[in-house]
N, C-alpha and C. Protein backbone atom coordinates (compact mmCIF):
# COMPACT_ATOMS: atom_id res chain seq x y z
N UNK A 1 -8.18 19.07 1.92
CA UNK A 1 -8.77 19.50 3.17
C UNK A 1 -7.92 19.04 4.35
N UNK A 2 -7.43 17.79 4.30
CA UNK A 2 -6.62 17.27 5.39
C UNK A 2 -5.31 18.03 5.52
N UNK A 3 -4.70 18.37 4.38
CA UNK A 3 -3.44 19.13 4.40
C UNK A 3 -3.65 20.47 5.10
N UNK A 4 -4.68 21.18 4.70
CA UNK A 4 -4.95 22.50 5.28
C UNK A 4 -5.26 22.39 6.77
N UNK A 5 -6.03 21.37 7.14
CA UNK A 5 -6.42 21.21 8.54
C UNK A 5 -5.20 21.00 9.43
N UNK A 6 -4.35 20.03 9.08
CA UNK A 6 -3.22 19.70 9.95
C UNK A 6 -2.09 20.72 9.87
N UNK A 7 -2.02 21.48 8.78
CA UNK A 7 -0.98 22.51 8.65
C UNK A 7 -1.36 23.81 9.35
N UNK A 8 -2.65 23.99 9.64
CA UNK A 8 -3.11 25.24 10.26
C UNK A 8 -2.57 25.39 11.68
N UNK A 9 -2.18 26.59 12.00
CA UNK A 9 -1.68 26.91 13.34
C UNK A 9 -2.76 26.60 14.37
N UNK A 10 -2.39 25.87 15.41
CA UNK A 10 -3.31 25.57 16.49
C UNK A 10 -4.24 24.40 16.24
N UNK A 11 -4.13 23.74 15.09
CA UNK A 11 -5.05 22.63 14.80
C UNK A 11 -4.56 21.32 15.39
N UNK A 12 -3.29 21.23 15.73
CA UNK A 12 -2.74 19.98 16.25
C UNK A 12 -3.18 19.76 17.69
N UNK A 13 -3.67 18.58 17.96
CA UNK A 13 -4.03 18.24 19.33
C UNK A 13 -2.78 18.22 20.20
N UNK A 14 -1.66 17.81 19.60
CA UNK A 14 -0.38 17.73 20.31
C UNK A 14 0.68 18.40 19.46
N UNK A 15 0.94 19.71 19.66
CA UNK A 15 1.88 20.44 18.81
C UNK A 15 3.28 19.83 18.75
N UNK A 16 3.69 19.13 19.78
CA UNK A 16 5.02 18.49 19.78
C UNK A 16 4.96 17.06 19.26
N UNK A 17 3.81 16.66 18.78
CA UNK A 17 3.64 15.30 18.30
C UNK A 17 2.87 14.45 19.30
N UNK A 18 2.49 13.29 18.88
CA UNK A 18 1.69 12.38 19.69
C UNK A 18 2.49 11.92 20.92
N UNK A 19 1.92 12.02 22.12
CA UNK A 19 2.60 11.46 23.29
C UNK A 19 2.82 9.95 23.08
N UNK A 20 4.00 9.49 23.45
CA UNK A 20 4.34 8.08 23.22
C UNK A 20 3.33 7.13 23.84
N UNK A 21 2.75 7.53 24.97
CA UNK A 21 1.78 6.67 25.66
C UNK A 21 0.52 6.44 24.82
N UNK A 22 0.25 7.31 23.85
CA UNK A 22 -0.96 7.16 23.02
C UNK A 22 -0.71 6.39 21.73
N UNK A 23 0.53 6.01 21.48
CA UNK A 23 0.87 5.28 20.26
C UNK A 23 0.46 3.82 20.41
N UNK A 24 -0.47 3.36 19.58
CA UNK A 24 -1.00 2.00 19.69
C UNK A 24 -1.03 1.32 18.32
N UNK A 25 -0.68 0.06 18.34
CA UNK A 25 -0.77 -0.78 17.14
C UNK A 25 -2.24 -0.92 16.74
N UNK A 26 -2.51 -0.84 15.42
CA UNK A 26 -3.87 -1.02 14.94
C UNK A 26 -4.73 0.23 14.95
N UNK A 27 -4.16 1.37 15.33
CA UNK A 27 -4.92 2.62 15.36
C UNK A 27 -4.55 3.51 14.19
N UNK A 28 -5.53 4.31 13.79
CA UNK A 28 -5.33 5.27 12.70
C UNK A 28 -4.83 6.60 13.25
N UNK A 29 -3.93 7.22 12.49
CA UNK A 29 -3.39 8.53 12.84
C UNK A 29 -3.21 9.33 11.56
N UNK A 30 -2.96 10.63 11.74
CA UNK A 30 -2.48 11.46 10.63
C UNK A 30 -0.97 11.49 10.78
N UNK A 31 -0.26 11.18 9.70
CA UNK A 31 1.19 11.15 9.75
C UNK A 31 1.79 12.17 8.80
N UNK A 32 2.76 12.94 9.30
CA UNK A 32 3.47 13.91 8.47
C UNK A 32 4.71 13.23 7.91
N UNK A 33 4.69 12.97 6.61
CA UNK A 33 5.76 12.24 5.95
C UNK A 33 6.94 13.17 5.63
N UNK A 34 8.00 12.62 5.08
CA UNK A 34 9.21 13.41 4.77
C UNK A 34 8.93 14.52 3.75
N UNK A 35 7.86 14.37 2.96
CA UNK A 35 7.51 15.43 2.00
C UNK A 35 6.72 16.56 2.65
N UNK A 36 6.55 16.48 3.98
CA UNK A 36 5.83 17.48 4.78
C UNK A 36 4.33 17.51 4.50
N UNK A 37 3.82 16.47 3.88
CA UNK A 37 2.38 16.34 3.66
C UNK A 37 1.82 15.36 4.69
N UNK A 38 0.54 15.54 4.98
CA UNK A 38 -0.15 14.69 5.95
C UNK A 38 -0.89 13.57 5.22
N UNK A 39 -0.82 12.36 5.79
CA UNK A 39 -1.46 11.18 5.20
C UNK A 39 -2.16 10.40 6.30
N UNK A 40 -3.17 9.65 5.89
CA UNK A 40 -3.82 8.75 6.83
C UNK A 40 -2.95 7.50 6.94
N UNK A 41 -2.59 7.16 8.19
CA UNK A 41 -1.74 5.99 8.40
C UNK A 41 -2.36 5.09 9.47
N UNK A 42 -2.02 3.83 9.39
CA UNK A 42 -2.41 2.84 10.39
C UNK A 42 -1.12 2.31 10.99
N UNK A 43 -1.01 2.34 12.32
CA UNK A 43 0.19 1.82 12.96
C UNK A 43 0.16 0.30 12.84
N UNK A 44 1.14 -0.20 12.12
CA UNK A 44 1.26 -1.64 11.87
C UNK A 44 1.99 -2.32 13.02
N UNK A 45 3.02 -1.64 13.52
CA UNK A 45 3.83 -2.21 14.60
C UNK A 45 4.55 -1.08 15.33
N UNK A 46 4.64 -1.19 16.65
CA UNK A 46 5.41 -0.24 17.44
C UNK A 46 6.74 -0.91 17.76
N UNK A 47 7.83 -0.20 17.46
CA UNK A 47 9.16 -0.77 17.64
C UNK A 47 9.98 0.10 18.58
N UNK A 48 11.03 -0.47 19.12
CA UNK A 48 11.94 0.27 20.01
C UNK A 48 13.17 0.68 19.23
N UNK A 49 13.82 1.82 19.51
CA UNK A 49 13.26 2.90 20.33
C UNK A 49 12.00 3.42 19.66
N UNK A 50 11.19 4.08 20.38
CA UNK A 50 9.84 4.37 19.90
C UNK A 50 9.77 4.88 18.47
N UNK A 51 9.50 3.95 17.62
CA UNK A 51 9.26 4.19 16.19
C UNK A 51 8.06 3.34 15.85
N UNK A 52 7.33 3.77 14.86
CA UNK A 52 6.16 3.00 14.43
C UNK A 52 6.31 2.65 12.96
N UNK A 53 6.05 1.40 12.65
CA UNK A 53 5.92 0.98 11.26
C UNK A 53 4.48 1.31 10.89
N UNK A 54 4.31 2.18 9.90
CA UNK A 54 2.96 2.61 9.53
C UNK A 54 2.63 2.21 8.11
N UNK A 55 1.35 2.00 7.88
CA UNK A 55 0.81 1.65 6.57
C UNK A 55 0.01 2.85 6.08
N UNK A 56 0.36 3.36 4.91
CA UNK A 56 -0.37 4.48 4.30
C UNK A 56 -1.63 3.90 3.65
N UNK A 57 -2.76 4.07 4.31
CA UNK A 57 -3.98 3.36 3.92
C UNK A 57 -4.55 3.80 2.58
N UNK A 58 -4.11 4.93 2.07
CA UNK A 58 -4.62 5.40 0.78
C UNK A 58 -3.63 5.18 -0.36
N UNK A 59 -2.43 4.70 -0.03
CA UNK A 59 -1.40 4.50 -1.06
C UNK A 59 -0.82 3.09 -1.07
N UNK A 60 -0.94 2.37 0.06
CA UNK A 60 -0.45 1.00 0.10
C UNK A 60 1.02 0.86 0.43
N UNK A 61 1.67 1.95 0.84
CA UNK A 61 3.09 1.91 1.18
C UNK A 61 3.27 1.78 2.69
N UNK A 62 4.47 1.34 3.06
CA UNK A 62 4.86 1.27 4.47
C UNK A 62 6.02 2.23 4.70
N UNK A 63 6.13 2.73 5.93
CA UNK A 63 7.25 3.59 6.29
C UNK A 63 7.41 3.54 7.81
N UNK A 64 8.49 4.15 8.28
CA UNK A 64 8.72 4.28 9.71
C UNK A 64 8.45 5.73 10.10
N UNK A 65 7.78 5.93 11.24
CA UNK A 65 7.50 7.28 11.74
C UNK A 65 7.72 7.32 13.24
N UNK A 66 8.12 8.49 13.71
CA UNK A 66 8.24 8.75 15.14
C UNK A 66 6.90 9.29 15.65
N UNK A 67 6.65 9.14 16.96
CA UNK A 67 5.42 9.73 17.51
C UNK A 67 5.34 11.24 17.25
N UNK A 68 6.48 11.91 17.16
CA UNK A 68 6.48 13.36 16.91
C UNK A 68 5.95 13.70 15.52
N UNK A 69 5.85 12.71 14.63
CA UNK A 69 5.34 12.93 13.27
C UNK A 69 3.87 12.53 13.13
N UNK A 70 3.25 12.16 14.25
CA UNK A 70 1.87 11.67 14.23
C UNK A 70 0.95 12.58 15.03
N UNK A 71 -0.30 12.61 14.60
CA UNK A 71 -1.37 13.31 15.30
C UNK A 71 -2.60 12.41 15.28
N UNK A 72 -3.53 12.60 16.23
CA UNK A 72 -4.78 11.85 16.14
C UNK A 72 -5.46 12.13 14.80
N UNK A 73 -6.10 11.13 14.25
CA UNK A 73 -6.84 11.31 13.00
C UNK A 73 -8.27 11.69 13.37
N UNK A 74 -8.63 12.92 13.06
CA UNK A 74 -9.95 13.41 13.41
C UNK A 74 -11.02 12.63 12.65
N UNK A 75 -12.18 12.52 13.29
CA UNK A 75 -13.28 11.70 12.77
C UNK A 75 -13.61 12.01 11.32
N UNK A 76 -13.63 13.26 10.93
CA UNK A 76 -14.03 13.60 9.56
C UNK A 76 -13.07 13.03 8.52
N UNK A 77 -11.85 12.71 8.94
CA UNK A 77 -10.89 12.12 8.01
C UNK A 77 -10.89 10.59 8.07
N UNK A 78 -11.67 10.05 9.00
CA UNK A 78 -11.80 8.59 9.10
C UNK A 78 -13.00 8.06 8.34
N UNK A 79 -13.89 8.95 7.89
CA UNK A 79 -15.12 8.51 7.24
C UNK A 79 -14.90 7.95 5.84
N UNK A 80 -13.91 8.46 5.13
CA UNK A 80 -13.61 7.97 3.79
C UNK A 80 -12.99 6.58 3.90
N UNK A 81 -13.51 5.59 3.16
CA UNK A 81 -12.89 4.26 3.20
C UNK A 81 -11.44 4.33 2.71
N UNK A 82 -10.63 3.38 3.16
CA UNK A 82 -9.24 3.35 2.70
C UNK A 82 -9.23 3.19 1.19
N UNK A 83 -8.27 3.82 0.53
CA UNK A 83 -8.23 3.86 -0.93
C UNK A 83 -7.27 2.84 -1.53
N UNK A 84 -6.29 2.38 -0.77
CA UNK A 84 -5.34 1.39 -1.31
C UNK A 84 -6.00 0.02 -1.33
N UNK A 85 -5.90 -0.65 -2.46
CA UNK A 85 -6.44 -2.00 -2.60
C UNK A 85 -5.30 -2.92 -3.02
N UNK A 86 -4.81 -3.77 -2.10
CA UNK A 86 -3.75 -4.69 -2.47
C UNK A 86 -4.23 -5.65 -3.56
N UNK A 87 -3.33 -6.02 -4.44
CA UNK A 87 -3.67 -6.94 -5.52
C UNK A 87 -2.48 -7.83 -5.82
N UNK A 88 -2.77 -8.99 -6.38
CA UNK A 88 -1.72 -9.89 -6.84
C UNK A 88 -2.14 -10.48 -8.17
N UNK A 89 -1.15 -10.90 -8.93
CA UNK A 89 -1.43 -11.50 -10.24
C UNK A 89 -1.87 -12.94 -10.07
N UNK A 90 -2.86 -13.32 -10.81
CA UNK A 90 -3.36 -14.69 -10.81
C UNK A 90 -2.42 -15.59 -11.60
N UNK A 91 -2.28 -16.81 -11.16
CA UNK A 91 -1.60 -17.90 -11.88
C UNK A 91 -0.09 -17.77 -11.99
N UNK A 92 0.55 -16.80 -11.36
CA UNK A 92 2.00 -16.70 -11.50
C UNK A 92 2.71 -16.84 -10.17
N UNK A 93 3.92 -17.39 -10.24
CA UNK A 93 4.80 -17.53 -9.08
C UNK A 93 6.22 -17.31 -9.57
N UNK A 94 7.13 -17.00 -8.65
CA UNK A 94 8.52 -16.82 -9.07
C UNK A 94 9.11 -18.12 -9.62
N UNK A 95 10.04 -17.99 -10.53
CA UNK A 95 10.72 -19.17 -11.09
C UNK A 95 11.50 -19.86 -9.98
N UNK A 96 12.18 -19.08 -9.14
CA UNK A 96 12.89 -19.61 -7.98
C UNK A 96 11.93 -19.60 -6.79
N UNK A 97 12.46 -19.70 -5.58
CA UNK A 97 11.60 -19.73 -4.40
C UNK A 97 11.00 -18.37 -4.06
N UNK A 98 11.64 -17.29 -4.54
CA UNK A 98 11.14 -15.94 -4.27
C UNK A 98 11.50 -15.04 -5.44
N UNK A 99 10.85 -13.87 -5.50
CA UNK A 99 11.15 -12.92 -6.57
C UNK A 99 12.52 -12.30 -6.31
N UNK A 100 13.39 -12.36 -7.29
CA UNK A 100 14.72 -11.75 -7.15
C UNK A 100 14.62 -10.26 -7.45
N UNK A 101 15.61 -9.47 -7.02
CA UNK A 101 15.61 -8.05 -7.38
C UNK A 101 15.58 -7.84 -8.90
N UNK A 102 16.24 -8.70 -9.65
CA UNK A 102 16.23 -8.59 -11.11
C UNK A 102 14.83 -8.87 -11.65
N UNK A 103 14.14 -9.88 -11.09
CA UNK A 103 12.76 -10.15 -11.49
C UNK A 103 11.88 -8.92 -11.26
N UNK A 104 12.03 -8.31 -10.10
CA UNK A 104 11.22 -7.13 -9.75
C UNK A 104 11.51 -5.97 -10.70
N UNK A 105 12.77 -5.78 -11.03
CA UNK A 105 13.15 -4.71 -11.95
C UNK A 105 12.60 -4.98 -13.35
N UNK A 106 12.70 -6.22 -13.80
CA UNK A 106 12.15 -6.58 -15.12
C UNK A 106 10.63 -6.40 -15.15
N UNK A 107 9.96 -6.79 -14.07
CA UNK A 107 8.51 -6.59 -13.99
C UNK A 107 8.18 -5.11 -14.07
N UNK A 108 8.88 -4.31 -13.29
CA UNK A 108 8.63 -2.87 -13.30
C UNK A 108 8.82 -2.29 -14.70
N UNK A 109 9.87 -2.71 -15.38
CA UNK A 109 10.11 -2.21 -16.74
C UNK A 109 8.99 -2.59 -17.70
N UNK A 110 8.35 -3.73 -17.46
CA UNK A 110 7.25 -4.16 -18.33
C UNK A 110 5.96 -3.37 -18.08
N UNK A 111 5.75 -2.93 -16.86
CA UNK A 111 4.45 -2.34 -16.52
C UNK A 111 4.46 -0.84 -16.25
N UNK A 112 5.61 -0.28 -15.95
CA UNK A 112 5.68 1.13 -15.57
C UNK A 112 5.22 2.03 -16.71
N UNK A 113 4.38 3.02 -16.34
CA UNK A 113 3.87 4.02 -17.29
C UNK A 113 3.01 3.41 -18.40
N UNK A 114 2.42 2.24 -18.13
CA UNK A 114 1.55 1.60 -19.12
C UNK A 114 0.20 1.35 -18.48
N UNK A 115 -0.81 1.30 -19.32
CA UNK A 115 -2.16 1.02 -18.83
C UNK A 115 -2.54 -0.40 -19.20
N UNK A 116 -3.24 -1.05 -18.27
CA UNK A 116 -3.69 -2.42 -18.46
C UNK A 116 -5.18 -2.51 -18.15
N UNK A 117 -5.80 -3.50 -18.71
CA UNK A 117 -7.16 -3.86 -18.33
C UNK A 117 -7.00 -4.97 -17.30
N UNK A 118 -7.67 -4.82 -16.17
CA UNK A 118 -7.60 -5.83 -15.11
C UNK A 118 -8.90 -6.62 -15.08
N UNK A 119 -8.75 -7.93 -15.10
CA UNK A 119 -9.91 -8.80 -14.92
C UNK A 119 -9.79 -9.37 -13.51
N UNK A 120 -10.77 -9.08 -12.67
CA UNK A 120 -10.73 -9.55 -11.29
C UNK A 120 -11.14 -11.01 -11.26
N UNK A 121 -10.24 -11.83 -10.74
CA UNK A 121 -10.45 -13.27 -10.66
C UNK A 121 -11.02 -13.65 -9.29
N UNK A 122 -10.56 -12.96 -8.25
CA UNK A 122 -11.03 -13.27 -6.89
C UNK A 122 -10.87 -12.05 -6.00
N UNK A 123 -11.68 -12.04 -4.96
CA UNK A 123 -11.59 -11.02 -3.90
C UNK A 123 -11.45 -11.80 -2.60
N UNK A 124 -10.28 -11.68 -1.97
CA UNK A 124 -9.97 -12.48 -0.80
C UNK A 124 -9.78 -11.59 0.43
N UNK A 125 -10.10 -12.11 1.62
CA UNK A 125 -9.81 -11.33 2.83
C UNK A 125 -8.31 -11.07 2.92
N UNK A 126 -7.94 -9.88 3.40
CA UNK A 126 -6.53 -9.52 3.52
C UNK A 126 -6.24 -9.07 4.94
N UNK A 127 -5.43 -9.83 5.65
CA UNK A 127 -5.09 -9.46 7.02
C UNK A 127 -3.67 -8.91 7.13
N UNK A 128 -2.98 -8.74 6.01
CA UNK A 128 -1.59 -8.29 6.05
C UNK A 128 -1.46 -6.80 6.39
N UNK A 129 -2.42 -5.98 6.00
CA UNK A 129 -2.30 -4.54 6.22
C UNK A 129 -2.76 -4.13 7.61
N UNK A 130 -3.59 -4.93 8.24
CA UNK A 130 -4.13 -4.56 9.54
C UNK A 130 -5.42 -3.78 9.45
N UNK A 131 -5.87 -3.46 8.24
CA UNK A 131 -7.12 -2.73 8.05
C UNK A 131 -8.27 -3.73 8.17
N UNK A 132 -9.16 -3.50 9.13
CA UNK A 132 -10.28 -4.42 9.34
C UNK A 132 -11.18 -4.46 8.12
N UNK A 133 -11.57 -5.66 7.72
CA UNK A 133 -12.47 -5.83 6.59
C UNK A 133 -11.82 -5.62 5.23
N UNK A 134 -10.49 -5.50 5.21
CA UNK A 134 -9.80 -5.26 3.94
C UNK A 134 -9.80 -6.51 3.07
N UNK A 135 -9.71 -6.28 1.78
CA UNK A 135 -9.66 -7.37 0.81
C UNK A 135 -8.48 -7.18 -0.12
N UNK A 136 -8.04 -8.28 -0.68
CA UNK A 136 -6.98 -8.29 -1.69
C UNK A 136 -7.60 -8.83 -2.96
N UNK A 137 -7.31 -8.16 -4.07
CA UNK A 137 -7.82 -8.62 -5.35
C UNK A 137 -6.79 -9.50 -6.03
N UNK A 138 -7.26 -10.54 -6.67
CA UNK A 138 -6.42 -11.38 -7.52
C UNK A 138 -6.85 -11.04 -8.94
N UNK A 139 -5.88 -10.61 -9.76
CA UNK A 139 -6.22 -10.08 -11.09
C UNK A 139 -5.40 -10.73 -12.19
N UNK A 140 -5.93 -10.65 -13.39
CA UNK A 140 -5.18 -10.93 -14.62
C UNK A 140 -5.10 -9.62 -15.37
N UNK A 141 -3.90 -9.24 -15.80
CA UNK A 141 -3.70 -7.98 -16.50
C UNK A 141 -3.49 -8.22 -17.98
N UNK A 142 -4.15 -7.37 -18.78
CA UNK A 142 -4.07 -7.49 -20.24
C UNK A 142 -3.68 -6.13 -20.81
N UNK A 143 -2.66 -6.15 -21.65
CA UNK A 143 -2.24 -4.95 -22.38
C UNK A 143 -3.04 -4.93 -23.68
N UNK A 144 -3.92 -3.95 -23.80
CA UNK A 144 -4.79 -3.85 -24.99
C UNK A 144 -4.37 -2.71 -25.90
N UNK A 145 -3.15 -2.21 -25.72
CA UNK A 145 -2.71 -1.03 -26.48
C UNK A 145 -2.29 -1.34 -27.92
N UNK A 146 -2.17 -2.62 -28.25
CA UNK A 146 -1.79 -2.99 -29.62
C UNK A 146 -2.93 -3.77 -30.26
N UNK A 147 -2.75 -4.14 -31.52
CA UNK A 147 -3.78 -4.90 -32.23
C UNK A 147 -4.03 -6.26 -31.58
N UNK A 148 -3.01 -6.82 -30.98
CA UNK A 148 -3.13 -8.13 -30.34
C UNK A 148 -3.01 -7.95 -28.82
N UNK A 149 -4.04 -8.38 -28.08
CA UNK A 149 -3.99 -8.30 -26.62
C UNK A 149 -2.86 -9.16 -26.08
N UNK A 150 -2.15 -8.64 -25.09
CA UNK A 150 -1.04 -9.36 -24.48
C UNK A 150 -1.37 -9.62 -23.02
N UNK A 151 -1.41 -10.91 -22.65
CA UNK A 151 -1.65 -11.33 -21.27
C UNK A 151 -0.33 -11.16 -20.51
N UNK A 152 -0.34 -10.38 -19.44
CA UNK A 152 0.89 -10.12 -18.71
C UNK A 152 1.49 -11.39 -18.12
N UNK A 153 0.65 -12.29 -17.61
CA UNK A 153 1.19 -13.52 -17.03
C UNK A 153 1.95 -14.34 -18.08
N UNK A 154 1.42 -14.40 -19.28
CA UNK A 154 2.09 -15.15 -20.35
C UNK A 154 3.40 -14.48 -20.75
N UNK A 155 3.41 -13.16 -20.77
CA UNK A 155 4.64 -12.42 -21.10
C UNK A 155 5.71 -12.65 -20.04
N UNK A 156 5.31 -12.69 -18.77
CA UNK A 156 6.27 -12.95 -17.69
C UNK A 156 6.88 -14.35 -17.83
N UNK A 157 6.08 -15.31 -18.23
CA UNK A 157 6.58 -16.67 -18.43
C UNK A 157 7.53 -16.70 -19.63
N UNK A 158 7.16 -16.07 -20.72
CA UNK A 158 8.02 -16.02 -21.91
C UNK A 158 9.38 -15.42 -21.60
N UNK A 159 9.40 -14.44 -20.71
CA UNK A 159 10.66 -13.76 -20.38
C UNK A 159 11.39 -14.43 -19.21
N UNK A 160 10.89 -15.58 -18.78
CA UNK A 160 11.48 -16.36 -17.69
C UNK A 160 11.53 -15.58 -16.37
N UNK A 161 10.53 -14.74 -16.16
CA UNK A 161 10.42 -13.99 -14.92
C UNK A 161 9.50 -14.73 -13.94
N UNK A 162 8.56 -15.50 -14.49
CA UNK A 162 7.58 -16.20 -13.66
C UNK A 162 7.27 -17.55 -14.28
N UNK A 163 6.56 -18.35 -13.48
CA UNK A 163 6.04 -19.63 -13.97
C UNK A 163 4.55 -19.67 -13.65
N UNK A 164 3.82 -20.41 -14.46
CA UNK A 164 2.37 -20.54 -14.25
C UNK A 164 2.10 -21.57 -13.15
N UNK A 165 1.19 -21.22 -12.26
CA UNK A 165 0.73 -22.15 -11.22
C UNK A 165 -0.79 -22.22 -11.28
N UNK A 166 -1.34 -23.27 -10.74
CA UNK A 166 -2.80 -23.40 -10.69
C UNK A 166 -3.36 -22.45 -9.65
N UNK A 167 -4.44 -21.76 -10.00
CA UNK A 167 -5.05 -20.81 -9.05
C UNK A 167 -6.09 -21.48 -8.20
C-alpha cells in the first residue's frame, strides 16, 4: 500500500523532495531508497552538506539520504509499530577488544540461511535507534536442525570467535 501511495502521480506533498527546512532529527519520513522503493525511516542525524543518516525502522538498517529522497510520512503509515527489533547474543563478547571483520565474516557463515530457536533472556530499553519506547532483546540461539542441539554461543567460543562473559 505504501509503495502504491508514494509512487502515484500527485501523491507527494513535495514533488521535488522534502524542503531542507523541514528535515528534523528524530522525525519519521517516507524514504525512497536506491532500489526505488519507499520505506519508513527515522532521521537519526542531519549532516552537512544536507544529508540525513536514516534508520529503516522496519528493517534495522542505516543509510544516508538527501532531502530530495524524503517525503512526509502520512499518518496511516505511522500507525503500524516499527518492525525491526534489535537483538544481541547473551553471554558473548569479542576475544579482542572489538569484533574483527574476520570474526563478523565467520559469524555470518555460521548463521546465514539457517534457522535458530531464540530464547529471550532479557528485554532492555534501547536508545540507539532513536525510536521512542524501543527495546533490544538479549537472546540465546540454538540450532535444533540436528539430533543434538547446538548452542551458538558455545560454538562461537569453540571456534575462537567469542569468549563467554557473565550476563
